Every structure is written in structure tokens, then in C-alpha cells.
Amino acid sequence: MSSLQPVVFVDGARTPFARAGSLYAHTRADDLMVKVIRELMRRNPSLPPERIDDIAVAAATQTGDQGMNIGRSVALLSGLPSTVPGYSIDRWCAGAMTAVTTLSASIMAGAYDVAIAGGVEHMTHHPMGEGIDPNPRYLAEKLVDPEALLMGKTAENLHDRFPHLTKERADAYAVASQEKTAKAYANGLLQPDLVPVATRDAENGWGYVTTDEGPRPGTSMEGLAGLKTPFRPHGRVTAGNASALTDGATGAVLASEVVARELGLSAKMRMVGFAFAGVEPEVMGVGPVPSTEKALQRAGMTIADIDLFEINEAFAVQVLAFLDHFEMADDDPRVNPMGGAIAVGHPLASSGIRLMTNLARDFEANPDARYGITTMCIGLGMGGTVIWERVEEDAK
């Protein structure tokens, strides 16, 4: 049996993220994904379309414009040869992350050479929980607490479990996320990976979306202190210290390191390993802790080996729980250097690749960094973590 083939992250791109009900209200989810795939092909002209072995696209709600096997649909809509297959994936928030790990496993095994992973969530067209029909056994047999089905309440539960993770700490983290995002935009760090999207509205006519809609520069502790706590009276989770409901799509080109070199493709970072883990559904936000421990253990590493962290900011308290567990400061400069989902938004299944695209940029900005991780919590009590390594020389 042949040895495992090293997998590299060749390139990543995404649409600007828009608030649900806003800029993309009249744009289809599959068309957002098509924009990303076409941009990836444009940016990598040495990649022959017929060399793409598979496309996996994630969506948490797989119906309507996110249905009809969206992976295969967007492959055809993007103009790729009909010989390029595709499939869809659902692991809720970690859909795009799972698309990457699943395709990478096939590349590692030698079954694939090159693949495209993607994720899209149009929360305007598909509100969270749309069309779900939870099995009555969940509640009748007390398999999960009813609050496990409401993500905001699971964040409040995390505050309960770790009372030292106060609302003040969560708000301070949220302010810092907004500040880092504003600085990244000012320095032109986020713009290179954004794919402009033309929009059409019957009332307002044509539009052109070039930047994320969510960031709120100038966010202050005073401003966040007065926000309502919608999930619990006198609670701690607010719209200010959580990610917004968002529309957007992401995509990435993955390849074996040998084939990337053969085709003259870049190699922005190399996959070291990955892991997914389960936790109690009612405190799903702690999921990145065991998934990271599992990934590190399998790679023969410790948290001290990691130089950069991209952690999805579904809720500030979830990030704080991770940092506390690994004895890291709330303002550790290695964590989300360009800000995160609290500022730009979290279009559920698409966010995993946004983390990876950001990490690739983090490596560029930190030449002494060798290892980085992308990690996120997942609904119904899970966490996912991928460990990446700097590629010292371009694969060309």
C-alpha cells in the first residue's frame, strides 16, 4: 500500500458576507457558490479544469437553491467539464471544513489529485432550522436538553458552566474582533480573497458588493453593555458578542503536493491532520477543545507547537472557553489576527474555509510561524479542528 500523499491548500476565496435579509436577498445561493468557483479557476490558470477529480460543497439547509445536490449543480453551472463530479455535505457549521477534510483524505489516499471544496449558506432564503423535524425521542427520552436546539441558549449555558467567563469578557473580546477586522481592512489584508458580487433588486436596481457588510468599526464596551439579551432575561449573549445571521459562500482548491508542483500551483499551507469530536449538545460551544486535543494527540503535538489560531467566533464565550482551557490570554495576538465572525459574520456551512483562507494569510504575515489550526464549534454538540503547516517554498 502506498504511503499517504501530502495535501496542500492551493488557494481560497469567498464572496463578501452580507447580513441576512440585505444585499443578497435577491441572489441565489448556488450563484454565490458559482462566483467563488469561477474566481478560483481564474486565479489558478495553470489548473486544467479536467484535472479536478471532485467537488464537495456544504450547506446546512439542503433545499431550494441549496438543494439538488449543490456540489454537482454548481460544478455544471460554473462551466466545468461535465466529467467533473460533485456531491453535497452537511455537518452544520463545519460543512466546508468537512468538505476540505473529506476531499483531503481522498487525496492523501491517492484516489484524487486535485479537488475543490466549498460551502454556502443563504440565511435569508433558509433561516436557521428551516424545515427541520426533530425526532420526538430527543426530548421524550431526554437524549438532549431542549435548549440544545437553540444555539444562542447553548452559549448562555456555556456562561453558566464557566461563570468566570463573564459578559464583560465576552464584550471585550467582541470589541477586539471588530477592531482587528477594521485594521485588516485598512491594511488591505482581507480584500484580496473577496470575490465581488453583482446583485439585482427590483426596487433598488443593480448593486455591486465588494466588502463584508457586517463589521461595525467603532464598537465600544459602552455600546455593547446596553444591548438586549434575547435568549434569556438578564443573560450574557447579545447581538454584539455573537456572530450575525449571514449570507455568503467560500471555496478552496486542494491538491496533492506533488501534483501542485507538477501543475505549477501554489502551496499556501500543508495539512498536518484533523479531528472531529462530540460534546454534550447543550454546551456545543466547548466542542473545539476536545477536537483540538484529539487532533494534536494524533499528530504527536501539543498546543505549545501551535503558532497561529483561527477560531470561529460563533459566540465570544465559545472562543473564551477554548482560550481558558489552553491557558491562553483573551487578547493573545496569535488568535484571529484579522478579526473573525463576530465582525464579518458566520454563514454556517461556509465558515470553515474562511478560517483556512485567513490562516493562509496569517502565515504570510508571520514568517516565523510554522504551525496553525482552524477550529470551530458545531451544532448538536461537536467540534472540528484542522492542523496546518507552513510550506517553506512555493510548490512551483
Foldseek 3Di string as FASTA:
>chain_A
DDAFFWKFFQAKFKAFKEFAPPDCLPPFFLVRQLLRVLVVCVVQVLDQLVQAAEEEEEEQDADDSNHPQSQQVSCVVNPRDNNHHYGYAHQWQARQVVQVVVVSVCQRVVNHFKHKTKYWFRCNVPPPPPPDDDDPCCPVVVVADPLLSPVLQLLLVLCVVVVVCALLLLLVLLLVLLVLQVVCVVVVNPQVRHRKDWGQDPVPGIDIDRHFPFRDPPDDSVNVVPFASVPDHVTRFGLRQAFGAITMMMMTMMGRLLVCLVSVTWGLWIWQWKFKDFDRSSNLLLAQQVRVVVGQVVSVHDPVLAQAEEEARRGSSSVVSNCVVNVHDSPRCRYPSNHHRSGRGRSTNGVQSVSVNVVSSVCVVPVVGFKYKYKYGGRSGMIMMIIIGGDPDTSD
